[in-house]
Amino acid sequence: MRDETLTRVEQVARDAGALLLRYFRRPMAVSYKGVANLVTEADTASECLIRERLRTILPDAGFLGEEMGGEFRGVGRAWVVDPLDGTTNFAHGFPWFSVSIGLVEEGVPVLGVVYHPVLDELYSAQEHVGSFRNGTPLSVSTTRSLADALLTTGFYYHRGSELARQITLFEGVHQKVQTIRRPGSAALDLAYVAAGHFEAFWEQGLSPWDVAAGYLLVQEAGGRVSDYSGRPASIGGRETLATNGHVHDEMIRLLCEPRLHPA
């Protein structure tokens, strides 16, 4: 049965999304927290709103956010939040970004919400209840062959030899599939696997706030999430492979091919 907590978190995500839209394509302060990792005033404003609202829902839960930090030790109950996933897109006026809110218990996601404010698409999931878009149940695609599959990925902020390895892996996978997209929001990539629009998503170097909600969306929609070798995924892990399940083993074989991992 759907928990009232999920309904309340959905509203928090909607409110944060509305806040982001007030900043979108308007002048704003932008800074860097790495070579190419942007942060805007919208990121921090959204996280402040989310943190304050979630505290009223579960006062005793921990909190880990991309912008203001926190502590995640994989024990107890904690919110894991990306207040603006796709900041680079957002800062350039490209309308592909999201709000991601996950609730984890002992390191395992039990509730997740991803909101795409531009399209007004609200993706939500609760453990053992299912995945939904704007209240309609979701199911992963039934495509069984990578040759017929549309995939999505991301390169994060790799540079130098690491970027070269990622490009080699991308090229190897691309040879075997219909085509690949790189939209720029991991949370939405995972939501779109859950909705059956993508057959698979893979990426290295993601953080807990990128995947805490999305993992549950995929799993509750009937998909599968693991690392590249097929071990069960952890939100603290560094490899993500999420699929409709049917192409999962084939993706593992591709991602682990030695020739796609140059020294």
C-alpha atoms as a PDB file:
ATOM      1  CA  MET A   1       0.000   0.000   0.000  1.00  0.00           C
ATOM      2  CA  ARG A   2       1.219   3.478  -0.870  1.00  0.00           C
ATOM      3  CA  ASP A   3       2.643   5.330   2.130  1.00  0.00           C
ATOM      4  CA  GLU A   4       1.544   8.897   2.910  1.00  0.00           C
ATOM      5  CA  THR A   5       5.248   9.724   3.199  1.00  0.00           C
ATOM      6  CA  LEU A   6       5.634   9.199  -0.546  1.00  0.00           C
ATOM      7  CA  THR A   7       2.830  11.652  -1.291  1.00  0.00           C
ATOM      8  CA  ARG A   8       4.462  14.267   0.909  1.00  0.00           C
ATOM      9  CA  VAL A   9       7.883  13.765  -0.685  1.00  0.00           C
ATOM     10  CA  GLU A  10       6.347  14.062  -4.137  1.00  0.00           C
ATOM     11  CA  GLN A  11       5.056  17.502  -3.161  1.00  0.00           C
ATOM     12  CA  VAL A  12       8.488  18.500  -1.880  1.00  0.00           C
ATOM     13  CA  ALA A  13       9.982  17.531  -5.238  1.00  0.00           C
ATOM     14  CA  ARG A  14       7.328  19.511  -7.096  1.00  0.00           C
ATOM     15  CA  ASP A  15       7.968  22.571  -4.939  1.00  0.00           C
ATOM     16  CA  ALA A  16      11.720  22.305  -5.494  1.00  0.00           C
ATOM     17  CA  GLY A  17      11.113  21.954  -9.225  1.00  0.00           C
ATOM     18  CA  ALA A  18       8.937  25.062  -9.244  1.00  0.00           C
ATOM     19  CA  LEU A  19      11.732  26.934  -7.500  1.00  0.00           C
ATOM     20  CA  LEU A  20      14.235  25.802 -10.148  1.00  0.00           C
ATOM     21  CA  LEU A  21      11.977  27.034 -12.929  1.00  0.00           C
ATOM     22  CA  ARG A  22      11.970  30.510 -11.382  1.00  0.00           C
ATOM     23  CA  TYR A  23      15.756  30.587 -11.925  1.00  0.00           C
ATOM     24  CA  PHE A  24      15.847  28.791 -15.271  1.00  0.00           C
ATOM     25  CA  ARG A  25      17.120  30.857 -18.229  1.00  0.00           C
ATOM     26  CA  ARG A  26      17.544  33.884 -16.017  1.00  0.00           C
ATOM     27  CA  PRO A  27      20.765  35.565 -14.836  1.00  0.00           C
ATOM     28  CA  MET A  28      22.194  33.778 -11.790  1.00  0.00           C
ATOM     29  CA  ALA A  29      25.416  33.245  -9.888  1.00  0.00           C
ATOM     30  CA  VAL A  30      27.443  30.277 -11.196  1.00  0.00           C
ATOM     31  CA  SER A  31      30.625  28.878  -9.664  1.00  0.00           C
ATOM     32  CA  TYR A  32      32.845  25.808 -10.040  1.00  0.00           C
ATOM     33  CA  LYS A  33      33.564  23.020  -7.576  1.00  0.00           C
ATOM     34  CA  GLY A  34      35.928  21.197  -9.927  1.00  0.00           C
ATOM     35  CA  VAL A  35      37.391  21.443 -13.415  1.00  0.00           C
ATOM     36  CA  ALA A  36      33.974  21.353 -15.100  1.00  0.00           C
ATOM     37  CA  ASN A  37      31.523  20.736 -12.251  1.00  0.00           C
ATOM     38  CA  LEU A  38      29.187  23.710 -11.979  1.00  0.00           C
ATOM     39  CA  VAL A  39      27.068  24.852  -9.066  1.00  0.00           C
ATOM     40  CA  THR A  40      24.483  27.625  -9.263  1.00  0.00           C
ATOM     41  CA  GLU A  41      22.520  29.583  -6.698  1.00  0.00           C
ATOM     42  CA  ALA A  42      19.525  27.520  -7.795  1.00  0.00           C
ATOM     43  CA  ASP A  43      21.237  24.314  -6.571  1.00  0.00           C
ATOM     44  CA  THR A  44      21.686  25.653  -3.060  1.00  0.00           C
ATOM     45  CA  ALA A  45      18.252  27.290  -2.891  1.00  0.00           C
ATOM     46  CA  SER A  46      16.629  24.014  -3.929  1.00  0.00           C
ATOM     47  CA  GLU A  47      18.583  22.004  -1.374  1.00  0.00           C
ATOM     48  CA  CYS A  48      17.668  24.431   1.413  1.00  0.00           C
ATOM     49  CA  LEU A  49      13.991  24.042   0.552  1.00  0.00           C
ATOM     50  CA  ILE A  50      14.206  20.256   0.356  1.00  0.00           C
ATOM     51  CA  ARG A  51      16.175  19.904   3.590  1.00  0.00           C
ATOM     52  CA  GLU A  52      13.709  22.082   5.509  1.00  0.00           C
ATOM     53  CA  ARG A  53      10.636  20.264   4.172  1.00  0.00           C
ATOM     54  CA  LEU A  54      12.009  16.749   4.666  1.00  0.00           C
ATOM     55  CA  ARG A  55      12.899  17.551   8.269  1.00  0.00           C
ATOM     56  CA  THR A  56       9.171  17.991   8.959  1.00  0.00           C
ATOM     57  CA  ILE A  57       8.374  14.587   7.420  1.00  0.00           C
ATOM     58  CA  LEU A  58      10.986  12.455   9.228  1.00  0.00           C
ATOM     59  CA  PRO A  59      12.706  14.608  11.876  1.00  0.00           C
ATOM     60  CA  ASP A  60      15.083  11.834  12.967  1.00  0.00           C
ATOM     61  CA  ALA A  61      16.346  10.838   9.512  1.00  0.00           C
ATOM     62  CA  GLY A  62      19.845  11.793   8.414  1.00  0.00           C
ATOM     63  CA  PHE A  63      20.473  13.910   5.351  1.00  0.00           C
ATOM     64  CA  LEU A  64      23.061  13.799   2.579  1.00  0.00           C
ATOM     65  CA  GLY A  65      22.819  16.440  -0.140  1.00  0.00           C
ATOM     66  CA  GLU A  66      25.115  17.187  -3.043  1.00  0.00           C
ATOM     67  CA  GLU A  67      25.604  20.841  -2.164  1.00  0.00           C
ATOM     68  CA  MET A  68      25.545  20.986   1.640  1.00  0.00           C
ATOM     69  CA  GLY A  69      26.880  17.551   2.382  1.00  0.00           C
ATOM     70  CA  GLY A  70      25.989  15.522   5.424  1.00  0.00           C
ATOM     71  CA  GLU A  71      27.038  12.061   6.414  1.00  0.00           C
ATOM     72  CA  PHE A  72      26.137   8.746   4.833  1.00  0.00           C
ATOM     73  CA  ARG A  73      27.448   5.663   6.605  1.00  0.00           C
ATOM     74  CA  GLY A  74      25.001   3.116   5.250  1.00  0.00           C
ATOM     75  CA  VAL A  75      23.274   2.647   8.596  1.00  0.00           C
ATOM     76  CA  GLY A  76      19.978   3.939   9.904  1.00  0.00           C
ATOM     77  CA  ARG A  77      17.597   5.992   7.835  1.00  0.00           C
ATOM     78  CA  ALA A  78      18.656   8.958   5.700  1.00  0.00           C
ATOM     79  CA  TRP A  79      17.517  11.204   2.875  1.00  0.00           C
ATOM     80  CA  VAL A  80      19.915  11.278  -0.078  1.00  0.00           C
ATOM     81  CA  VAL A  81      19.224  14.277  -2.279  1.00  0.00           C
ATOM     82  CA  ASP A  82      20.352  15.904  -5.504  1.00  0.00           C
ATOM     83  CA  PRO A  83      18.534  19.253  -5.554  1.00  0.00           C
ATOM     84  CA  LEU A  84      19.422  19.860  -9.210  1.00  0.00           C
ATOM     85  CA  ASP A  85      20.675  16.904 -11.208  1.00  0.00           C
ATOM     86  CA  GLY A  86      21.899  18.240 -14.528  1.00  0.00           C
ATOM     87  CA  THR A  87      23.321  21.548 -13.323  1.00  0.00           C
ATOM     88  CA  THR A  88      25.439  22.070 -16.457  1.00  0.00           C
ATOM     89  CA  ASN A  89      22.354  21.645 -18.636  1.00  0.00           C
ATOM     90  CA  PHE A  90      20.455  24.037 -16.378  1.00  0.00           C
ATOM     91  CA  ALA A  91      23.180  26.690 -16.428  1.00  0.00           C
ATOM     92  CA  HIS A  92      23.264  26.616 -20.239  1.00  0.00           C
ATOM     93  CA  GLY A  93      19.491  26.808 -20.601  1.00  0.00           C
ATOM     94  CA  PHE A  94      19.142  23.224 -21.828  1.00  0.00           C
ATOM     95  CA  PRO A  95      15.811  21.927 -20.424  1.00  0.00           C
ATOM     96  CA  TRP A  96      16.947  18.521 -19.161  1.00  0.00           C
ATOM     97  CA  PHE A  97      17.423  18.463 -15.394  1.00  0.00           C
ATOM     98  CA  SER A  98      15.675  17.077 -12.353  1.00  0.00           C
ATOM     99  CA  VAL A  99      15.177  16.964  -8.606  1.00  0.00           C
ATOM    100  CA  SER A 100      16.088  13.622  -7.011  1.00  0.00           C
ATOM    101  CA  ILE A 101      15.076  12.575  -3.491  1.00  0.00           C
ATOM    102  CA  GLY A 102      15.762   9.121  -2.093  1.00  0.00           C
ATOM    103  CA  LEU A 103      15.112   7.634   1.323  1.00  0.00           C
ATOM    104  CA  VAL A 104      17.483   4.837   2.286  1.00  0.00           C
ATOM    105  CA  GLU A 105      17.341   2.433   5.225  1.00  0.00           C
ATOM    106  CA  GLU A 106      20.560   0.625   6.136  1.00  0.00           C
ATOM    107  CA  GLY A 107      21.958   1.755   2.794  1.00  0.00           C
ATOM    108  CA  VAL A 108      19.053   0.361   0.742  1.00  0.00           C
ATOM    109  CA  PRO A 109      16.652   2.701  -1.115  1.00  0.00           C
ATOM    110  CA  VAL A 110      13.063   2.291   0.086  1.00  0.00           C
ATOM    111  CA  LEU A 111      11.456   5.398  -1.415  1.00  0.00           C
ATOM    112  CA  GLY A 112      12.437   7.545  -4.365  1.00  0.00           C
ATOM    113  CA  VAL A 113      11.169  10.552  -6.296  1.00  0.00           C
ATOM    114  CA  VAL A 114      12.616  12.118  -9.444  1.00  0.00           C
ATOM    115  CA  TYR A 115      10.919  15.206 -10.857  1.00  0.00           C
ATOM    116  CA  HIS A 116      11.429  16.720 -14.304  1.00  0.00           C
ATOM    117  CA  PRO A 117       9.957  20.208 -13.832  1.00  0.00           C
ATOM    118  CA  VAL A 118      10.099  21.307 -17.478  1.00  0.00           C
ATOM    119  CA  LEU A 119       7.933  18.385 -18.610  1.00  0.00           C
ATOM    120  CA  ASP A 120       6.055  18.146 -15.292  1.00  0.00           C
ATOM    121  CA  GLU A 121       6.919  14.442 -15.082  1.00  0.00           C
ATOM    122  CA  LEU A 122       6.951  13.088 -11.531  1.00  0.00           C
ATOM    123  CA  TYR A 123       8.579   9.661 -11.169  1.00  0.00           C
ATOM    124  CA  SER A 124       8.103   7.941  -7.825  1.00  0.00           C
ATOM    125  CA  ALA A 125       8.676   4.535  -6.292  1.00  0.00           C
ATOM    126  CA  GLN A 126       8.211   2.809  -2.980  1.00  0.00           C
ATOM    127  CA  GLU A 127       9.663  -0.526  -1.977  1.00  0.00           C
ATOM    128  CA  HIS A 128       7.267  -3.406  -2.774  1.00  0.00           C
ATOM    129  CA  VAL A 129       4.662  -0.958  -4.134  1.00  0.00           C
ATOM    130  CA  GLY A 130       5.870  -0.145  -7.651  1.00  0.00           C
ATOM    131  CA  SER A 131       7.080   2.713  -9.825  1.00  0.00           C
ATOM    132  CA  PHE A 132       4.884   5.459 -11.221  1.00  0.00           C
ATOM    133  CA  ARG A 133       4.896   8.495 -13.492  1.00  0.00           C
ATOM    134  CA  ASN A 134       2.325  11.064 -12.464  1.00  0.00           C
ATOM    135  CA  GLY A 135       0.442   8.247 -10.730  1.00  0.00           C
ATOM    136  CA  THR A 136       0.460   5.801 -13.656  1.00  0.00           C
ATOM    137  CA  PRO A 137       2.332   2.505 -13.063  1.00  0.00           C
ATOM    138  CA  LEU A 138       5.592   2.046 -14.939  1.00  0.00           C
ATOM    139  CA  SER A 139       7.167  -1.031 -16.466  1.00  0.00           C
ATOM    140  CA  VAL A 140      10.532  -1.507 -18.137  1.00  0.00           C
ATOM    141  CA  SER A 141      10.649  -2.274 -21.843  1.00  0.00           C
ATOM    142  CA  THR A 142      10.313  -5.793 -23.226  1.00  0.00           C
ATOM    143  CA  THR A 143      13.142  -5.445 -25.774  1.00  0.00           C
ATOM    144  CA  ARG A 144      15.385  -8.498 -25.570  1.00  0.00           C
ATOM    145  CA  SER A 145      18.205  -7.698 -27.990  1.00  0.00           C
ATOM    146  CA  LEU A 146      20.833  -4.977 -27.693  1.00  0.00           C
ATOM    147  CA  ALA A 147      20.681  -4.591 -31.463  1.00  0.00           C
ATOM    148  CA  ASP A 148      17.192  -3.137 -30.999  1.00  0.00           C
ATOM    149  CA  ALA A 149      18.003  -1.162 -27.853  1.00  0.00           C
ATOM    150  CA  LEU A 150      18.250   2.562 -27.141  1.00  0.00           C
ATOM    151  CA  LEU A 151      20.818   3.166 -24.393  1.00  0.00           C
ATOM    152  CA  THR A 152      21.878   6.132 -22.315  1.00  0.00           C
ATOM    153  CA  THR A 153      25.122   6.936 -20.524  1.00  0.00           C
ATOM    154  CA  GLY A 154      27.271   9.710 -19.105  1.00  0.00           C
ATOM    155  CA  PHE A 155      30.986  10.488 -18.946  1.00  0.00           C
ATOM    156  CA  TYR A 156      30.850  12.534 -15.742  1.00  0.00           C
ATOM    157  CA  TYR A 157      33.830  14.929 -15.567  1.00  0.00           C
ATOM    158  CA  HIS A 158      36.630  12.625 -16.713  1.00  0.00           C
ATOM    159  CA  ARG A 159      39.706  14.091 -18.334  1.00  0.00           C
ATOM    160  CA  GLY A 160      42.858  12.728 -19.960  1.00  0.00           C
ATOM    161  CA  SER A 161      43.423   8.970 -19.987  1.00  0.00           C
ATOM    162  CA  GLU A 162      40.246   8.274 -18.019  1.00  0.00           C
ATOM    163  CA  LEU A 163      38.156  10.075 -20.626  1.00  0.00           C
ATOM    164  CA  ALA A 164      39.922   8.077 -23.342  1.00  0.00           C
ATOM    165  CA  ARG A 165      38.928   4.847 -21.576  1.00  0.00           C
ATOM    166  CA  GLN A 166      35.328   6.016 -21.338  1.00  0.00           C
ATOM    167  CA  ILE A 167      35.246   6.903 -25.048  1.00  0.00           C
ATOM    168  CA  THR A 168      36.681   3.497 -25.982  1.00  0.00           C
ATOM    169  CA  LEU A 169      34.017   1.783 -23.890  1.00  0.00           C
ATOM    170  CA  PHE A 170      31.328   3.980 -25.437  1.00  0.00           C
ATOM    171  CA  GLU A 171      32.484   3.093 -28.945  1.00  0.00           C
ATOM    172  CA  GLY A 172      32.508  -0.633 -28.159  1.00  0.00           C
ATOM    173  CA  VAL A 173      28.972  -0.566 -26.794  1.00  0.00           C
ATOM    174  CA  HIS A 174      27.729   1.637 -29.621  1.00  0.00           C
ATOM    175  CA  GLN A 175      28.756  -0.989 -32.174  1.00  0.00           C
ATOM    176  CA  LYS A 176      26.294  -3.455 -30.626  1.00  0.00           C
ATOM    177  CA  VAL A 177      23.180  -1.318 -30.038  1.00  0.00           C
ATOM    178  CA  GLN A 178      20.674   0.700 -32.036  1.00  0.00           C
ATOM    179  CA  THR A 179      22.079   3.973 -30.699  1.00  0.00           C
ATOM    180  CA  ILE A 180      23.052   5.818 -27.489  1.00  0.00           C
ATOM    181  CA  ARG A 181      22.044   9.117 -25.909  1.00  0.00           C
ATOM    182  CA  ARG A 182      23.869  11.250 -23.318  1.00  0.00           C
ATOM    183  CA  PRO A 183      21.249  13.674 -21.929  1.00  0.00           C
ATOM    184  CA  GLY A 184      23.126  14.754 -18.785  1.00  0.00           C
ATOM    185  CA  SER A 185      20.973  13.796 -15.775  1.00  0.00           C
ATOM    186  CA  ALA A 186      21.636  10.352 -14.293  1.00  0.00           C
ATOM    187  CA  ALA A 187      18.460  10.507 -12.200  1.00  0.00           C
ATOM    188  CA  LEU A 188      16.363  11.029 -15.335  1.00  0.00           C
ATOM    189  CA  ASP A 189      18.332   8.381 -17.222  1.00  0.00           C
ATOM    190  CA  LEU A 190      17.322   5.876 -14.555  1.00  0.00           C
ATOM    191  CA  ALA A 191      13.723   7.103 -14.532  1.00  0.00           C
ATOM    192  CA  TYR A 192      13.556   6.649 -18.294  1.00  0.00           C
ATOM    193  CA  VAL A 193      14.856   3.090 -18.003  1.00  0.00           C
ATOM    194  CA  ALA A 194      12.058   2.463 -15.499  1.00  0.00           C
ATOM    195  CA  ALA A 195       9.542   3.952 -17.928  1.00  0.00           C
ATOM    196  CA  GLY A 196      10.706   1.733 -20.793  1.00  0.00           C
ATOM    197  CA  HIS A 197      12.137   4.513 -22.982  1.00  0.00           C
ATOM    198  CA  PHE A 198      15.719   3.291 -22.573  1.00  0.00           C
ATOM    199  CA  GLU A 199      16.726  -0.366 -22.390  1.00  0.00           C
ATOM    200  CA  ALA A 200      19.889   0.324 -20.379  1.00  0.00           C
ATOM    201  CA  PHE A 201      21.986   2.961 -18.637  1.00  0.00           C
ATOM    202  CA  TRP A 202      25.611   2.670 -17.573  1.00  0.00           C
ATOM    203  CA  GLU A 203      28.043   5.090 -15.966  1.00  0.00           C
ATOM    204  CA  GLN A 204      31.065   5.194 -13.672  1.00  0.00           C
ATOM    205  CA  GLY A 205      31.847   7.663 -10.908  1.00  0.00           C
ATOM    206  CA  LEU A 206      28.330   8.510  -9.785  1.00  0.00           C
ATOM    207  CA  SER A 207      27.557   9.625  -6.236  1.00  0.00           C
ATOM    208  CA  PRO A 208      24.816   8.370  -3.887  1.00  0.00           C
ATOM    209  CA  TRP A 209      22.590  11.385  -4.593  1.00  0.00           C
ATOM    210  CA  ASP A 210      22.682  10.607  -8.325  1.00  0.00           C
ATOM    211  CA  VAL A 211      21.205   7.123  -7.924  1.00  0.00           C
ATOM    212  CA  ALA A 212      19.405   6.711  -4.584  1.00  0.00           C
ATOM    213  CA  ALA A 213      15.980   7.412  -6.082  1.00  0.00           C
ATOM    214  CA  GLY A 214      16.664   6.068  -9.573  1.00  0.00           C
ATOM    215  CA  TYR A 215      17.801   2.619  -8.498  1.00  0.00           C
ATOM    216  CA  LEU A 216      14.484   2.005  -6.775  1.00  0.00           C
ATOM    217  CA  LEU A 217      12.526   3.335  -9.756  1.00  0.00           C
ATOM    218  CA  VAL A 218      14.184   0.770 -12.038  1.00  0.00           C
ATOM    219  CA  GLN A 219      13.868  -2.142  -9.627  1.00  0.00           C
ATOM    220  CA  GLU A 220      10.216  -1.477  -8.807  1.00  0.00           C
ATOM    221  CA  ALA A 221       9.435  -1.215 -12.535  1.00  0.00           C
ATOM    222  CA  GLY A 222      10.797  -4.733 -13.042  1.00  0.00           C
ATOM    223  CA  GLY A 223      14.326  -3.848 -14.112  1.00  0.00           C
ATOM    224  CA  ARG A 224      17.722  -4.834 -12.778  1.00  0.00           C
ATOM    225  CA  VAL A 225      20.543  -2.770 -11.273  1.00  0.00           C
ATOM    226  CA  SER A 226      24.111  -3.975 -10.674  1.00  0.00           C
ATOM    227  CA  ASP A 227      27.747  -3.024 -11.062  1.00  0.00           C
ATOM    228  CA  TYR A 228      29.550  -3.893 -14.307  1.00  0.00           C
ATOM    229  CA  SER A 229      30.344  -7.406 -13.123  1.00  0.00           C
ATOM    230  CA  GLY A 230      26.763  -8.183 -12.118  1.00  0.00           C
ATOM    231  CA  ARG A 231      27.122  -7.779  -8.361  1.00  0.00           C
ATOM    232  CA  PRO A 232      24.138  -6.097  -6.652  1.00  0.00           C
ATOM    233  CA  ALA A 233      24.346  -2.330  -6.946  1.00  0.00           C
ATOM    234  CA  SER A 234      25.135  -0.156  -3.955  1.00  0.00           C
ATOM    235  CA  ILE A 235      24.364   3.569  -3.900  1.00  0.00           C
ATOM    236  CA  GLY A 236      27.898   4.030  -2.605  1.00  0.00           C
ATOM    237  CA  GLY A 237      29.441   2.056  -5.464  1.00  0.00           C
ATOM    238  CA  ARG A 238      31.319   3.551  -8.409  1.00  0.00           C
ATOM    239  CA  GLU A 239      29.731   1.561 -11.245  1.00  0.00           C
ATOM    240  CA  THR A 240      26.102   1.628 -12.345  1.00  0.00           C
ATOM    241  CA  LEU A 241      24.400  -0.668 -14.820  1.00  0.00           C
ATOM    242  CA  ALA A 242      20.607  -0.427 -14.936  1.00  0.00           C
ATOM    243  CA  THR A 243      18.580  -2.285 -17.546  1.00  0.00           C
ATOM    244  CA  ASN A 244      15.211  -3.770 -18.374  1.00  0.00           C
ATOM    245  CA  GLY A 245      16.660  -7.083 -17.223  1.00  0.00           C
ATOM    246  CA  HIS A 246      16.448  -8.729 -20.637  1.00  0.00           C
ATOM    247  CA  VAL A 247      19.672  -7.147 -21.937  1.00  0.00           C
ATOM    248  CA  HIS A 248      21.502  -7.094 -18.609  1.00  0.00           C
ATOM    249  CA  ASP A 249      23.767 -10.107 -19.064  1.00  0.00           C
ATOM    250  CA  GLU A 250      24.663  -9.010 -22.593  1.00  0.00           C
ATOM    251  CA  MET A 251      25.590  -5.557 -21.248  1.00  0.00           C
ATOM    252  CA  ILE A 252      27.779  -7.118 -18.548  1.00  0.00           C
ATOM    253  CA  ARG A 253      29.682  -9.080 -21.174  1.00  0.00           C
ATOM    254  CA  LEU A 254      30.218  -5.901 -23.198  1.00  0.00           C
ATOM    255  CA  LEU A 255      31.280  -3.727 -20.273  1.00  0.00           C
ATOM    256  CA  CYS A 256      33.753  -6.345 -19.079  1.00  0.00           C
ATOM    257  CA  GLU A 257      35.413  -7.039 -22.447  1.00  0.00           C
ATOM    258  CA  PRO A 258      39.172  -6.562 -21.926  1.00  0.00           C
ATOM    259  CA  ARG A 259      39.607  -4.886 -25.321  1.00  0.00           C
ATOM    260  CA  LEU A 260      37.313  -2.064 -24.192  1.00  0.00           C
ATOM    261  CA  HIS A 261      39.532  -1.249 -21.223  1.00  0.00           C
ATOM    262  CA  PRO A 262      42.863   0.004 -22.574  1.00  0.00           C
ATOM    263  CA  ALA A 263      45.658   0.622 -20.049  1.00  0.00           C
END
